């Protein structure tokens, strides 16, 4: 069934927990439509007080949920984007040259620009591959543990 024509019937699907040195930083929860399988995401954490506050907009057709991590600074940056391979990540930091852009690769990893190598301390993950698990950001690369079966 196509997502646009579906009258979604969401059930709780799972959560992805983010830790830094065993301290819980935030949680991204997912609900899955029983009919078409589309995911709806929401974020919980210290800055999100109500369940509806942390909800992400519905995903656009043809895009996937992507978790982006920047571990270059003192505190980790955790973002969730709707993307497709080839899209640029809207992120800048001092860990790579300003003229470089981070691009989502076909395998949902990151590359610098048009093939200038892999960025250091920056990571991307396809959310549906790692939901029902956690990411420990206290090491580089982060430790990713999930109960989700591989696609």
N, C-alpha and C. Protein backbone atom coordinates (compact mmCIF):
# COMPACT_ATOMS: atom_id res chain seq x y z
N UNK A 1 0.85 -1.17 0.00
CA UNK A 1 0.00 0.00 0.00
C UNK A 1 0.89 1.24 0.00
N UNK A 2 0.56 2.22 -0.79
CA UNK A 2 1.34 3.43 -0.83
C UNK A 2 1.08 4.28 0.39
N UNK A 3 2.13 4.90 0.88
CA UNK A 3 2.07 5.71 2.09
C UNK A 3 1.08 6.86 1.95
N UNK A 4 1.03 7.52 0.78
CA UNK A 4 0.17 8.70 0.62
C UNK A 4 -1.30 8.35 0.76
N UNK A 5 -1.71 7.14 0.36
CA UNK A 5 -3.12 6.76 0.38
C UNK A 5 -3.53 6.06 1.67
N UNK A 6 -2.60 5.82 2.55
CA UNK A 6 -2.86 5.04 3.76
C UNK A 6 -3.49 5.89 4.87
N UNK A 7 -4.49 5.34 5.51
CA UNK A 7 -5.02 5.90 6.76
C UNK A 7 -4.23 5.20 7.87
N UNK A 8 -3.12 5.77 8.26
CA UNK A 8 -2.16 5.12 9.15
C UNK A 8 -2.80 4.60 10.45
N UNK A 9 -2.33 3.42 10.83
CA UNK A 9 -2.71 2.79 12.09
C UNK A 9 -1.39 2.43 12.79
N UNK A 10 -0.88 3.36 13.61
CA UNK A 10 0.44 3.21 14.21
C UNK A 10 0.41 2.38 15.49
N UNK A 11 1.43 1.53 15.63
CA UNK A 11 1.69 0.81 16.87
C UNK A 11 3.14 1.08 17.26
N UNK A 12 3.41 0.97 18.55
CA UNK A 12 4.77 1.22 19.02
C UNK A 12 5.71 0.19 18.40
N UNK A 13 6.84 0.67 17.88
CA UNK A 13 7.79 -0.19 17.18
C UNK A 13 9.07 -0.42 17.97
N UNK A 14 9.56 0.62 18.66
CA UNK A 14 10.79 0.46 19.43
C UNK A 14 11.48 1.79 19.66
N UNK A 15 12.62 1.72 20.33
CA UNK A 15 13.37 2.92 20.68
C UNK A 15 14.84 2.72 20.39
N UNK A 16 15.51 3.83 20.15
CA UNK A 16 16.96 3.86 20.00
C UNK A 16 17.48 4.80 21.07
N UNK A 17 18.27 4.26 22.00
CA UNK A 17 18.80 5.02 23.13
C UNK A 17 20.22 5.49 22.80
N UNK A 18 20.53 6.71 23.20
CA UNK A 18 21.85 7.29 22.98
C UNK A 18 22.52 7.54 24.32
N UNK A 19 23.69 6.94 24.49
CA UNK A 19 24.46 7.07 25.73
C UNK A 19 25.80 7.71 25.44
N UNK A 20 26.34 8.41 26.43
CA UNK A 20 27.73 8.86 26.41
C UNK A 20 28.34 8.42 27.72
N UNK A 21 29.25 7.47 27.64
CA UNK A 21 29.88 6.89 28.83
C UNK A 21 28.83 6.39 29.82
N UNK A 22 27.87 5.66 29.31
CA UNK A 22 26.79 5.01 30.07
C UNK A 22 25.75 5.97 30.63
N UNK A 23 25.84 7.25 30.31
CA UNK A 23 24.82 8.22 30.73
C UNK A 23 23.84 8.40 29.57
N UNK A 24 22.55 8.21 29.86
CA UNK A 24 21.53 8.36 28.83
C UNK A 24 21.40 9.82 28.43
N UNK A 25 21.57 10.10 27.13
CA UNK A 25 21.50 11.46 26.61
C UNK A 25 20.11 11.76 26.05
N UNK A 26 19.60 10.88 25.20
CA UNK A 26 18.29 11.07 24.58
C UNK A 26 17.81 9.74 24.03
N UNK A 27 16.53 9.71 23.64
CA UNK A 27 15.91 8.51 23.08
C UNK A 27 15.10 8.94 21.86
N UNK A 28 15.22 8.17 20.77
CA UNK A 28 14.37 8.37 19.60
C UNK A 28 13.46 7.15 19.52
N UNK A 29 12.15 7.41 19.61
CA UNK A 29 11.16 6.33 19.58
C UNK A 29 10.52 6.25 18.20
N UNK A 30 10.03 5.06 17.86
CA UNK A 30 9.40 4.86 16.56
C UNK A 30 8.07 4.15 16.72
N UNK A 31 7.12 4.57 15.88
CA UNK A 31 5.83 3.91 15.74
C UNK A 31 5.74 3.49 14.28
N UNK A 32 5.21 2.30 14.04
CA UNK A 32 5.14 1.76 12.68
C UNK A 32 3.68 1.54 12.29
N UNK A 33 3.33 1.95 11.07
CA UNK A 33 1.97 1.75 10.58
C UNK A 33 1.77 0.27 10.28
N UNK A 34 0.69 -0.30 10.80
CA UNK A 34 0.38 -1.72 10.57
C UNK A 34 0.06 -2.00 9.10
N UNK A 35 -0.41 -0.98 8.39
CA UNK A 35 -0.86 -1.17 7.01
C UNK A 35 0.26 -1.01 5.99
N UNK A 36 0.97 0.12 6.05
CA UNK A 36 1.96 0.40 5.00
C UNK A 36 3.41 0.32 5.49
N UNK A 37 3.64 0.23 6.80
CA UNK A 37 4.98 0.07 7.34
C UNK A 37 5.78 1.34 7.54
N UNK A 38 5.20 2.51 7.23
CA UNK A 38 5.92 3.76 7.40
C UNK A 38 6.20 4.00 8.89
N UNK A 39 7.37 4.61 9.16
CA UNK A 39 7.74 4.92 10.54
C UNK A 39 7.43 6.37 10.88
N UNK A 40 6.98 6.60 12.09
CA UNK A 40 6.81 7.95 12.65
C UNK A 40 7.76 8.00 13.84
N UNK A 41 8.55 9.06 13.92
CA UNK A 41 9.56 9.18 14.96
C UNK A 41 9.28 10.34 15.90
N UNK A 42 9.74 10.15 17.13
CA UNK A 42 9.68 11.19 18.15
C UNK A 42 10.90 11.10 19.04
N UNK A 43 11.26 12.21 19.64
CA UNK A 43 12.46 12.26 20.48
C UNK A 43 12.06 12.60 21.91
N UNK A 44 12.68 11.91 22.85
CA UNK A 44 12.52 12.19 24.27
C UNK A 44 13.88 12.53 24.84
N UNK A 45 13.88 13.40 25.81
CA UNK A 45 15.15 13.75 26.44
C UNK A 45 14.93 14.89 27.40
N UNK A 46 15.98 15.40 27.97
CA UNK A 46 15.86 16.44 28.99
C UNK A 46 15.14 17.69 28.48
N UNK A 47 15.31 18.05 27.21
CA UNK A 47 14.71 19.28 26.70
C UNK A 47 13.30 19.07 26.16
N UNK A 48 12.81 17.83 26.10
CA UNK A 48 11.48 17.54 25.58
C UNK A 48 10.57 17.17 26.75
N UNK A 49 9.59 18.02 27.02
CA UNK A 49 8.74 17.82 28.19
C UNK A 49 7.48 17.01 27.90
N UNK A 50 6.88 17.20 26.73
CA UNK A 50 5.64 16.50 26.37
C UNK A 50 5.90 15.56 25.21
N UNK A 51 5.16 14.46 25.14
CA UNK A 51 5.39 13.49 24.08
C UNK A 51 5.17 14.09 22.70
N UNK A 52 4.23 15.02 22.55
CA UNK A 52 3.97 15.61 21.24
C UNK A 52 5.03 16.65 20.85
N UNK A 53 5.79 17.17 21.82
CA UNK A 53 6.83 18.16 21.53
C UNK A 53 7.95 17.58 20.68
N UNK A 54 8.30 16.34 20.94
CA UNK A 54 9.44 15.74 20.28
C UNK A 54 9.14 15.03 18.98
N UNK A 55 7.93 15.13 18.47
CA UNK A 55 7.57 14.43 17.24
C UNK A 55 8.21 15.09 16.02
N UNK A 56 8.76 14.26 15.15
CA UNK A 56 9.30 14.75 13.88
C UNK A 56 8.17 14.82 12.86
N UNK A 57 8.31 15.69 11.85
CA UNK A 57 7.27 15.74 10.81
C UNK A 57 7.19 14.40 10.08
N UNK A 58 6.02 14.09 9.52
CA UNK A 58 5.87 12.84 8.76
C UNK A 58 6.91 12.79 7.66
N UNK A 59 7.40 11.60 7.41
CA UNK A 59 8.45 11.41 6.40
C UNK A 59 7.90 11.59 5.00
N UNK A 60 8.71 12.19 4.15
CA UNK A 60 8.34 12.41 2.75
C UNK A 60 8.54 11.10 1.98
N UNK A 61 7.68 10.82 1.00
CA UNK A 61 7.83 9.61 0.19
C UNK A 61 9.23 9.55 -0.46
N UNK A 62 9.80 8.35 -0.46
CA UNK A 62 11.11 8.14 -1.08
C UNK A 62 12.30 8.43 -0.19
N UNK A 63 12.05 8.93 1.01
CA UNK A 63 13.15 9.23 1.93
C UNK A 63 13.18 8.21 3.06
N UNK A 64 14.32 8.16 3.73
CA UNK A 64 14.54 7.27 4.88
C UNK A 64 14.92 8.13 6.08
N UNK A 65 14.64 7.61 7.27
CA UNK A 65 15.09 8.27 8.49
C UNK A 65 16.57 7.96 8.68
N UNK A 66 17.38 8.99 8.92
CA UNK A 66 18.83 8.85 9.10
C UNK A 66 19.23 9.51 10.41
N UNK A 67 20.01 8.79 11.22
CA UNK A 67 20.56 9.32 12.46
C UNK A 67 21.96 9.82 12.14
N UNK A 68 22.23 11.07 12.50
CA UNK A 68 23.54 11.68 12.27
C UNK A 68 24.18 12.00 13.61
N UNK A 69 25.45 11.66 13.74
CA UNK A 69 26.21 11.95 14.96
C UNK A 69 27.47 12.72 14.63
N UNK A 70 27.71 13.79 15.38
CA UNK A 70 28.98 14.51 15.33
C UNK A 70 29.61 14.37 16.70
N UNK A 71 30.78 13.74 16.75
CA UNK A 71 31.48 13.53 18.01
C UNK A 71 32.76 14.36 18.08
N UNK A 72 32.82 15.43 17.28
CA UNK A 72 34.03 16.25 17.20
C UNK A 72 34.15 17.23 18.36
N UNK A 73 33.04 17.64 18.95
CA UNK A 73 33.08 18.63 20.03
C UNK A 73 33.04 17.99 21.40
N UNK A 74 32.95 18.84 22.40
CA UNK A 74 32.87 18.39 23.79
C UNK A 74 31.62 17.56 24.04
N UNK A 75 30.49 18.04 23.49
CA UNK A 75 29.22 17.33 23.61
C UNK A 75 28.82 16.77 22.24
N UNK A 76 28.28 15.56 22.20
CA UNK A 76 27.87 15.00 20.91
C UNK A 76 26.67 15.75 20.33
N UNK A 77 26.63 15.81 19.00
CA UNK A 77 25.49 16.35 18.29
C UNK A 77 24.72 15.15 17.72
N UNK A 78 23.44 15.07 18.05
CA UNK A 78 22.59 13.98 17.59
C UNK A 78 21.44 14.60 16.81
N UNK A 79 21.34 14.26 15.53
CA UNK A 79 20.27 14.79 14.69
C UNK A 79 19.60 13.64 13.96
N UNK A 80 18.33 13.83 13.62
CA UNK A 80 17.59 12.86 12.83
C UNK A 80 17.06 13.60 11.61
N UNK A 81 17.34 13.06 10.43
CA UNK A 81 16.95 13.69 9.18
C UNK A 81 16.16 12.73 8.30
N UNK A 82 15.37 13.29 7.41
CA UNK A 82 14.72 12.54 6.33
C UNK A 82 15.62 12.73 5.11
N UNK A 83 16.18 11.62 4.60
CA UNK A 83 17.16 11.76 3.51
C UNK A 83 17.07 10.60 2.54
N UNK A 84 17.76 10.77 1.43
CA UNK A 84 18.01 9.69 0.47
C UNK A 84 19.49 9.77 0.12
N UNK A 85 20.10 8.65 -0.30
CA UNK A 85 21.52 8.69 -0.68
C UNK A 85 21.79 9.80 -1.69
N UNK A 86 22.91 10.48 -1.46
CA UNK A 86 23.30 11.61 -2.30
C UNK A 86 22.97 12.96 -1.69
N UNK A 87 22.09 12.99 -0.69
CA UNK A 87 21.73 14.24 -0.03
C UNK A 87 22.89 14.73 0.85
N UNK A 88 22.98 16.05 1.00
CA UNK A 88 23.99 16.65 1.87
C UNK A 88 23.43 16.78 3.29
N UNK A 89 24.28 16.52 4.27
CA UNK A 89 23.92 16.69 5.68
C UNK A 89 24.08 18.18 6.01
N UNK A 90 23.07 18.82 6.58
CA UNK A 90 23.18 20.24 6.90
C UNK A 90 23.97 20.46 8.19
N UNK A 91 25.30 20.31 8.11
CA UNK A 91 26.13 20.38 9.31
C UNK A 91 27.49 20.97 8.95
N UNK A 92 27.98 21.85 9.79
CA UNK A 92 29.34 22.35 9.67
C UNK A 92 29.98 22.32 11.05
N UNK A 93 31.26 22.05 11.08
CA UNK A 93 32.02 22.12 12.32
C UNK A 93 33.50 22.24 11.99
N UNK A 94 34.33 22.40 13.00
CA UNK A 94 35.76 22.61 12.80
C UNK A 94 36.52 21.33 12.49
N UNK A 95 35.86 20.19 12.46
CA UNK A 95 36.55 18.92 12.24
C UNK A 95 36.90 18.67 10.77
N UNK A 96 36.33 19.44 9.86
CA UNK A 96 36.66 19.30 8.44
C UNK A 96 36.59 20.67 7.78
N UNK A 97 37.23 20.82 6.63
CA UNK A 97 37.28 22.15 5.98
C UNK A 97 35.89 22.71 5.69
N UNK A 98 35.73 24.02 5.82
CA UNK A 98 34.45 24.70 5.60
C UNK A 98 33.90 24.48 4.20
N UNK A 99 34.77 24.37 3.20
CA UNK A 99 34.29 24.19 1.83
C UNK A 99 33.81 22.76 1.56
N UNK A 100 34.09 21.86 2.46
CA UNK A 100 33.65 20.47 2.30
C UNK A 100 32.20 20.32 2.75
N UNK A 101 31.52 19.36 2.16
CA UNK A 101 30.16 19.04 2.58
C UNK A 101 30.11 17.56 2.92
N UNK A 102 29.24 17.21 3.85
CA UNK A 102 29.02 15.82 4.21
C UNK A 102 27.88 15.30 3.34
N UNK A 103 28.12 14.16 2.69
CA UNK A 103 27.13 13.58 1.77
C UNK A 103 26.78 12.18 2.26
N UNK A 104 25.48 11.86 2.22
CA UNK A 104 25.02 10.52 2.58
C UNK A 104 25.30 9.58 1.42
N UNK A 105 26.06 8.54 1.68
CA UNK A 105 26.46 7.58 0.65
C UNK A 105 25.36 6.54 0.42
N UNK A 106 25.52 5.72 -0.61
CA UNK A 106 24.53 4.70 -0.96
C UNK A 106 24.30 3.71 0.18
N UNK A 107 25.34 3.43 0.98
CA UNK A 107 25.22 2.48 2.09
C UNK A 107 24.82 3.17 3.39
N UNK A 108 24.43 4.43 3.31
CA UNK A 108 24.00 5.26 4.44
C UNK A 108 25.14 5.61 5.39
N UNK A 109 26.38 5.51 4.91
CA UNK A 109 27.51 6.07 5.65
C UNK A 109 27.75 7.48 5.11
N UNK A 110 28.80 8.14 5.58
CA UNK A 110 29.08 9.50 5.15
C UNK A 110 30.36 9.56 4.33
N UNK A 111 30.41 10.54 3.43
CA UNK A 111 31.64 10.85 2.71
C UNK A 111 31.76 12.37 2.63
N UNK A 112 32.98 12.83 2.44
CA UNK A 112 33.21 14.25 2.25
C UNK A 112 33.07 14.57 0.77
N UNK A 113 32.23 15.54 0.45
CA UNK A 113 32.08 16.01 -0.91
C UNK A 113 31.82 14.94 -1.94
N UNK A 114 32.51 15.04 -3.04
CA UNK A 114 32.31 14.12 -4.16
C UNK A 114 33.29 12.94 -4.11
N UNK A 115 33.57 12.44 -2.93
CA UNK A 115 34.46 11.30 -2.81
C UNK A 115 35.79 11.65 -2.20
N UNK A 116 35.84 12.71 -1.41
CA UNK A 116 37.09 13.17 -0.79
C UNK A 116 37.45 12.38 0.46
N UNK A 117 36.89 11.21 0.65
CA UNK A 117 37.20 10.40 1.82
C UNK A 117 36.10 10.45 2.86
N UNK A 118 36.37 9.81 3.98
CA UNK A 118 35.41 9.73 5.08
C UNK A 118 35.71 10.81 6.10
N UNK A 119 34.67 11.46 6.61
CA UNK A 119 34.90 12.46 7.65
C UNK A 119 35.25 11.79 8.98
N UNK A 120 36.11 12.44 9.74
CA UNK A 120 36.45 11.88 11.05
C UNK A 120 35.42 12.36 12.07
N UNK A 121 35.08 11.50 12.99
CA UNK A 121 34.20 11.81 14.12
C UNK A 121 32.77 12.17 13.71
N UNK A 122 32.37 11.78 12.52
CA UNK A 122 31.01 12.00 12.03
C UNK A 122 30.48 10.68 11.50
N UNK A 123 29.22 10.37 11.85
CA UNK A 123 28.66 9.06 11.51
C UNK A 123 27.19 9.21 11.13
N UNK A 124 26.74 8.33 10.24
CA UNK A 124 25.32 8.31 9.86
C UNK A 124 24.86 6.86 9.85
N UNK A 125 23.60 6.66 10.23
CA UNK A 125 23.01 5.32 10.30
C UNK A 125 21.58 5.38 9.79
N UNK A 126 21.19 4.39 9.04
CA UNK A 126 19.80 4.26 8.63
C UNK A 126 19.02 3.80 9.85
N UNK A 127 18.06 4.62 10.30
CA UNK A 127 17.35 4.36 11.55
C UNK A 127 16.72 2.97 11.59
N UNK A 128 16.08 2.56 10.51
CA UNK A 128 15.36 1.27 10.51
C UNK A 128 16.29 0.09 10.74
N UNK A 129 17.59 0.25 10.50
CA UNK A 129 18.56 -0.84 10.72
C UNK A 129 18.99 -0.96 12.18
N UNK A 130 18.82 0.11 12.96
CA UNK A 130 19.36 0.08 14.32
C UNK A 130 18.34 0.35 15.42
N UNK A 131 17.06 0.54 15.05
CA UNK A 131 16.04 0.75 16.06
C UNK A 131 15.99 -0.49 16.97
N UNK A 132 15.48 -0.34 18.15
CA UNK A 132 15.45 -1.40 19.17
C UNK A 132 16.86 -1.70 19.68
N UNK A 133 17.56 -0.64 19.99
CA UNK A 133 18.92 -0.82 20.47
C UNK A 133 19.47 0.44 21.10
N UNK A 134 20.80 0.56 21.06
CA UNK A 134 21.42 1.76 21.62
C UNK A 134 22.72 2.07 20.89
N UNK A 135 23.14 3.32 21.05
CA UNK A 135 24.44 3.78 20.55
C UNK A 135 25.20 4.34 21.74
N UNK A 136 26.39 3.81 21.97
CA UNK A 136 27.28 4.33 23.01
C UNK A 136 28.30 5.23 22.33
N UNK A 137 28.20 6.53 22.61
CA UNK A 137 29.03 7.52 21.93
C UNK A 137 30.31 7.85 22.69
N UNK A 138 30.67 7.06 23.68
CA UNK A 138 31.88 7.31 24.46
C UNK A 138 33.15 6.87 23.77
N UNK A 139 33.02 6.21 22.61
CA UNK A 139 34.20 5.77 21.86
C UNK A 139 34.01 6.15 20.39
N UNK A 140 35.10 6.17 19.66
CA UNK A 140 35.04 6.47 18.23
C UNK A 140 35.67 5.30 17.50
N UNK A 141 34.95 4.62 16.62
CA UNK A 141 33.56 4.87 16.25
C UNK A 141 32.62 4.46 17.39
N UNK A 142 31.39 4.98 17.38
CA UNK A 142 30.44 4.63 18.43
C UNK A 142 30.10 3.14 18.38
N UNK A 143 29.78 2.60 19.54
CA UNK A 143 29.33 1.21 19.62
C UNK A 143 27.83 1.21 19.34
N UNK A 144 27.41 0.44 18.32
CA UNK A 144 26.01 0.36 17.94
C UNK A 144 25.53 -1.06 18.22
N UNK A 145 24.50 -1.19 19.06
CA UNK A 145 23.95 -2.49 19.41
C UNK A 145 22.45 -2.45 19.11
N UNK A 146 21.95 -3.48 18.41
CA UNK A 146 20.53 -3.50 18.06
C UNK A 146 20.01 -4.93 18.07
N UNK A 147 18.72 -5.04 18.32
CA UNK A 147 18.03 -6.33 18.23
C UNK A 147 17.31 -6.49 16.88
N UNK A 148 17.39 -5.44 16.04
CA UNK A 148 16.71 -5.46 14.74
C UNK A 148 17.44 -6.38 13.78
N UNK A 149 16.67 -7.18 13.06
CA UNK A 149 17.27 -8.04 12.04
C UNK A 149 17.78 -7.19 10.89
N UNK A 150 18.87 -7.64 10.29
CA UNK A 150 19.43 -6.88 9.15
C UNK A 150 18.53 -7.06 7.94
N UNK A 151 18.49 -6.02 7.11
CA UNK A 151 17.64 -6.03 5.92
C UNK A 151 18.22 -6.89 4.83
